[in-house]
Amino acid sequence: MFVRAYLRASTAEQDASRARNALQQFAADHGKAIAAQYIENASGARADRPELLR
């Protein structure tokens, strides 16, 4: 089964892609494969997050 991963960091000092390896390992541990990754640095308080809306 394929899943999609959404990675977000809320400030410029944070890096949303840091969690990528942990998410890939989590998916593999549960018999899943990540088919697509959506990564952005945007505040969670904002609704206009393009990657979230994909």
PDB file of N, CA and C in Angstrom:
ATOM      1  N   MET A   1       0.849  -1.179   0.000  1.00  0.00           N
ATOM      2  CA  MET A   1       0.000   0.000   0.000  1.00  0.00           C
ATOM      3  C   MET A   1       0.892   1.239   0.000  1.00  0.00           C
ATOM      4  N   PHE A   2       0.457   2.228  -0.734  1.00  0.00           N
ATOM      5  CA  PHE A   2       1.178   3.488  -0.809  1.00  0.00           C
ATOM      6  C   PHE A   2       0.494   4.530   0.068  1.00  0.00           C
ATOM      7  N   VAL A   3       1.292   5.405   0.651  1.00  0.00           N
ATOM      8  CA  VAL A   3       0.784   6.513   1.460  1.00  0.00           C
ATOM      9  C   VAL A   3       1.470   7.784   0.983  1.00  0.00           C
ATOM     10  N   ARG A   4       0.969   8.916   1.416  1.00  0.00           N
ATOM     11  CA  ARG A   4       1.563  10.216   1.108  1.00  0.00           C
ATOM     12  C   ARG A   4       2.037  10.843   2.398  1.00  0.00           C
ATOM     13  N   ALA A   5       3.126  11.563   2.320  1.00  0.00           N
ATOM     14  CA  ALA A   5       3.694  12.200   3.500  1.00  0.00           C
ATOM     15  C   ALA A   5       3.643  13.719   3.344  1.00  0.00           C
ATOM     16  N   TYR A   6       3.160  14.395   4.365  1.00  0.00           N
ATOM     17  CA  TYR A   6       3.125  15.859   4.394  1.00  0.00           C
ATOM     18  C   TYR A   6       4.058  16.308   5.505  1.00  0.00           C
ATOM     19  N   LEU A   7       5.087  17.031   5.149  1.00  0.00           N
ATOM     20  CA  LEU A   7       6.064  17.518   6.116  1.00  0.00           C
ATOM     21  C   LEU A   7       6.001  19.035   6.138  1.00  0.00           C
ATOM     22  N   ARG A   8       5.866  19.609   7.335  1.00  0.00           N
ATOM     23  CA  ARG A   8       5.734  21.061   7.454  1.00  0.00           C
ATOM     24  C   ARG A   8       6.549  21.562   8.631  1.00  0.00           C
ATOM     25  N   ALA A   9       7.188  22.686   8.433  1.00  0.00           N
ATOM     26  CA  ALA A   9       7.839  23.412   9.521  1.00  0.00           C
ATOM     27  C   ALA A   9       7.239  24.810   9.525  1.00  0.00           C
ATOM     28  N   SER A  10       7.086  25.381  10.697  1.00  0.00           N
ATOM     29  CA  SER A  10       6.366  26.650  10.775  1.00  0.00           C
ATOM     30  C   SER A  10       7.252  27.881  10.736  1.00  0.00           C
ATOM     31  N   THR A  11       8.556  27.741  10.876  1.00  0.00           N
ATOM     32  CA  THR A  11       9.433  28.916  10.833  1.00  0.00           C
ATOM     33  C   THR A  11      10.572  28.680   9.853  1.00  0.00           C
ATOM     34  N   ALA A  12      11.202  29.761   9.439  1.00  0.00           N
ATOM     35  CA  ALA A  12      12.316  29.665   8.496  1.00  0.00           C
ATOM     36  C   ALA A  12      13.513  28.948   9.115  1.00  0.00           C
ATOM     37  N   GLU A  13      13.640  28.995  10.432  1.00  0.00           N
ATOM     38  CA  GLU A  13      14.756  28.340  11.104  1.00  0.00           C
ATOM     39  C   GLU A  13      14.588  26.826  11.166  1.00  0.00           C
ATOM     40  N   GLN A  14      13.381  26.355  10.991  1.00  0.00           N
ATOM     41  CA  GLN A  14      13.115  24.928  11.022  1.00  0.00           C
ATOM     42  C   GLN A  14      13.198  24.365   9.603  1.00  0.00           C
ATOM     43  N   ASP A  15      13.445  23.078   9.496  1.00  0.00           N
ATOM     44  CA  ASP A  15      13.553  22.431   8.194  1.00  0.00           C
ATOM     45  C   ASP A  15      12.542  21.289   8.130  1.00  0.00           C
ATOM     46  N   ALA A  16      11.548  21.433   7.282  1.00  0.00           N
ATOM     47  CA  ALA A  16      10.485  20.439   7.191  1.00  0.00           C
ATOM     48  C   ALA A  16      10.993  19.089   6.718  1.00  0.00           C
ATOM     49  N   SER A  17      12.051  19.069   5.953  1.00  0.00           N
ATOM     50  CA  SER A  17      12.535  17.804   5.406  1.00  0.00           C
ATOM     51  C   SER A  17      13.320  16.971   6.416  1.00  0.00           C
ATOM     52  N   ARG A  18      13.604  17.498   7.588  1.00  0.00           N
ATOM     53  CA  ARG A  18      14.357  16.741   8.598  1.00  0.00           C
ATOM     54  C   ARG A  18      13.645  15.453   8.992  1.00  0.00           C
ATOM     55  N   ALA A  19      12.344  15.433   8.972  1.00  0.00           N
ATOM     56  CA  ALA A  19      11.573  14.262   9.398  1.00  0.00           C
ATOM     57  C   ALA A  19      11.431  13.210   8.297  1.00  0.00           C
ATOM     58  N   ARG A  20      11.936  13.499   7.120  1.00  0.00           N
ATOM     59  CA  ARG A  20      11.745  12.608   5.971  1.00  0.00           C
ATOM     60  C   ARG A  20      12.234  11.186   6.247  1.00  0.00           C
ATOM     61  N   ASN A  21      13.446  11.028   6.741  1.00  0.00           N
ATOM     62  CA  ASN A  21      13.980   9.687   6.984  1.00  0.00           C
ATOM     63  C   ASN A  21      13.165   8.937   8.032  1.00  0.00           C
ATOM     64  N   ALA A  22      12.753   9.635   9.086  1.00  0.00           N
ATOM     65  CA  ALA A  22      11.946   8.996  10.127  1.00  0.00           C
ATOM     66  C   ALA A  22      10.603   8.534   9.565  1.00  0.00           C
ATOM     67  N   LEU A  23       9.989   9.336   8.710  1.00  0.00           N
ATOM     68  CA  LEU A  23       8.711   8.948   8.110  1.00  0.00           C
ATOM     69  C   LEU A  23       8.876   7.772   7.149  1.00  0.00           C
ATOM     70  N   GLN A  24       9.963   7.766   6.389  1.00  0.00           N
ATOM     71  CA  GLN A  24      10.208   6.645   5.486  1.00  0.00           C
ATOM     72  C   GLN A  24      10.404   5.354   6.270  1.00  0.00           C
ATOM     73  N   GLN A  25      11.127   5.438   7.381  1.00  0.00           N
ATOM     74  CA  GLN A  25      11.339   4.252   8.208  1.00  0.00           C
ATOM     75  C   GLN A  25      10.027   3.794   8.836  1.00  0.00           C
ATOM     76  N   PHE A  26       9.221   4.738   9.308  1.00  0.00           N
ATOM     77  CA  PHE A  26       7.926   4.406   9.909  1.00  0.00           C
ATOM     78  C   PHE A  26       7.047   3.688   8.888  1.00  0.00           C
ATOM     79  N   ALA A  27       7.003   4.226   7.672  1.00  0.00           N
ATOM     80  CA  ALA A  27       6.194   3.606   6.621  1.00  0.00           C
ATOM     81  C   ALA A  27       6.690   2.186   6.336  1.00  0.00           C
ATOM     82  N   ALA A  28       7.988   2.031   6.207  1.00  0.00           N
ATOM     83  CA  ALA A  28       8.556   0.707   5.923  1.00  0.00           C
ATOM     84  C   ALA A  28       8.261  -0.276   7.047  1.00  0.00           C
ATOM     85  N   ASP A  29       8.364   0.190   8.283  1.00  0.00           N
ATOM     86  CA  ASP A  29       8.094  -0.670   9.438  1.00  0.00           C
ATOM     87  C   ASP A  29       6.654  -1.166   9.456  1.00  0.00           C
ATOM     88  N   HIS A  30       5.760  -0.431   8.801  1.00  0.00           N
ATOM     89  CA  HIS A  30       4.346  -0.791   8.781  1.00  0.00           C
ATOM     90  C   HIS A  30       3.900  -1.333   7.424  1.00  0.00           C
ATOM     91  N   GLY A  31       4.880  -1.735   6.602  1.00  0.00           N
ATOM     92  CA  GLY A  31       4.558  -2.344   5.318  1.00  0.00           C
ATOM     93  C   GLY A  31       3.991  -1.394   4.292  1.00  0.00           C
ATOM     94  N   LYS A  32       4.327  -0.132   4.397  1.00  0.00           N
ATOM     95  CA  LYS A  32       3.824   0.885   3.467  1.00  0.00           C
ATOM     96  C   LYS A  32       4.986   1.486   2.694  1.00  0.00           C
ATOM     97  N   ALA A  33       4.684   2.121   1.592  1.00  0.00           N
ATOM     98  CA  ALA A  33       5.675   2.848   0.808  1.00  0.00           C
ATOM     99  C   ALA A  33       5.144   4.256   0.564  1.00  0.00           C
ATOM    100  N   ILE A  34       6.000   5.232   0.692  1.00  0.00           N
ATOM    101  CA  ILE A  34       5.582   6.618   0.469  1.00  0.00           C
ATOM    102  C   ILE A  34       5.597   6.888  -1.030  1.00  0.00           C
ATOM    103  N   ALA A  35       4.430   7.181  -1.572  1.00  0.00           N
ATOM    104  CA  ALA A  35       4.276   7.419  -3.008  1.00  0.00           C
ATOM    105  C   ALA A  35       4.566   8.871  -3.364  1.00  0.00           C
ATOM    106  N   ALA A  36       4.301   9.781  -2.443  1.00  0.00           N
ATOM    107  CA  ALA A  36       4.525  11.201  -2.702  1.00  0.00           C
ATOM    108  C   ALA A  36       4.825  11.900  -1.387  1.00  0.00           C
ATOM    109  N   GLN A  37       5.663  12.927  -1.478  1.00  0.00           N
ATOM    110  CA  GLN A  37       5.988  13.736  -0.303  1.00  0.00           C
ATOM    111  C   GLN A  37       5.661  15.175  -0.620  1.00  0.00           C
ATOM    112  N   TYR A  38       5.031  15.839   0.302  1.00  0.00           N
ATOM    113  CA  TYR A  38       4.676  17.241   0.161  1.00  0.00           C
ATOM    114  C   TYR A  38       5.371  17.978   1.296  1.00  0.00           C
ATOM    115  N   ILE A  39       6.291  18.868   0.943  1.00  0.00           N
ATOM    116  CA  ILE A  39       7.131  19.525   1.935  1.00  0.00           C
ATOM    117  C   ILE A  39       6.971  21.032   1.801  1.00  0.00           C
ATOM    118  N   GLU A  40       6.748  21.697   2.944  1.00  0.00           N
ATOM    119  CA  GLU A  40       6.698  23.152   2.918  1.00  0.00           C
ATOM    120  C   GLU A  40       7.063  23.733   4.272  1.00  0.00           C
ATOM    121  N   ASN A  41       7.517  24.960   4.230  1.00  0.00           N
ATOM    122  CA  ASN A  41       7.763  25.737   5.432  1.00  0.00           C
ATOM    123  C   ASN A  41       6.696  26.822   5.457  1.00  0.00           C
ATOM    124  N   ALA A  42       5.681  26.629   6.287  1.00  0.00           N
ATOM    125  CA  ALA A  42       4.571  27.567   6.379  1.00  0.00           C
ATOM    126  C   ALA A  42       3.921  27.431   7.745  1.00  0.00           C
ATOM    127  N   SER A  43       3.358  28.493   8.211  1.00  0.00           N
ATOM    128  CA  SER A  43       2.690  28.480   9.503  1.00  0.00           C
ATOM    129  C   SER A  43       1.438  27.607   9.450  1.00  0.00           C
ATOM    130  N   GLY A  44       1.222  26.825  10.504  1.00  0.00           N
ATOM    131  CA  GLY A  44       0.020  26.006  10.593  1.00  0.00           C
ATOM    132  C   GLY A  44      -1.229  26.832  10.809  1.00  0.00           C
ATOM    133  N   ALA A  45      -1.058  28.087  11.188  1.00  0.00           N
ATOM    134  CA  ALA A  45      -2.203  28.966  11.404  1.00  0.00           C
ATOM    135  C   ALA A  45      -2.784  29.483  10.090  1.00  0.00           C
ATOM    136  N   ARG A  46      -2.024  29.332   9.010  1.00  0.00           N
ATOM    137  CA  ARG A  46      -2.493  29.814   7.715  1.00  0.00           C
ATOM    138  C   ARG A  46      -3.177  28.691   6.951  1.00  0.00           C
ATOM    139  N   ALA A  47      -4.282  28.997   6.326  1.00  0.00           N
ATOM    140  CA  ALA A  47      -5.022  27.994   5.556  1.00  0.00           C
ATOM    141  C   ALA A  47      -4.516  27.895   4.122  1.00  0.00           C
ATOM    142  N   ASP A  48      -3.795  28.899   3.657  1.00  0.00           N
ATOM    143  CA  ASP A  48      -3.331  28.897   2.263  1.00  0.00           C
ATOM    144  C   ASP A  48      -1.944  28.254   2.154  1.00  0.00           C
ATOM    145  N   ARG A  49      -1.913  26.943   2.393  1.00  0.00           N
ATOM    146  CA  ARG A  49      -0.671  26.169   2.301  1.00  0.00           C
ATOM    147  C   ARG A  49      -0.789  25.277   1.069  1.00  0.00           C
ATOM    148  N   PRO A  50      -0.131  25.644  -0.018  1.00  0.00           N
ATOM    149  CA  PRO A  50      -0.297  24.937  -1.297  1.00  0.00           C
ATOM    150  C   PRO A  50      -0.049  23.432  -1.219  1.00  0.00           C
ATOM    151  N   GLU A  51       0.980  23.006  -0.509  1.00  0.00           N
ATOM    152  CA  GLU A  51       1.281  21.578  -0.453  1.00  0.00           C
ATOM    153  C   GLU A  51       0.213  20.804   0.311  1.00  0.00           C
ATOM    154  N   LEU A  52      -0.379  21.418   1.314  1.00  0.00           N
ATOM    155  CA  LEU A  52      -1.447  20.756   2.074  1.00  0.00           C
ATOM    156  C   LEU A  52      -2.688  20.566   1.202  1.00  0.00           C
ATOM    157  N   LEU A  53      -2.923  21.495   0.311  1.00  0.00           N
ATOM    158  CA  LEU A  53      -4.124  21.459  -0.528  1.00  0.00           C
ATOM    159  C   LEU A  53      -3.987  20.550  -1.743  1.00  0.00           C
ATOM    160  N   ARG A  54      -2.807  20.012  -1.986  1.00  0.00           N
ATOM    161  CA  ARG A  54      -2.604  19.126  -3.147  1.00  0.00           C
ATOM    162  C   ARG A  54      -3.298  17.808  -2.960  1.00  0.00           C
TER     163      ARG A  54
END
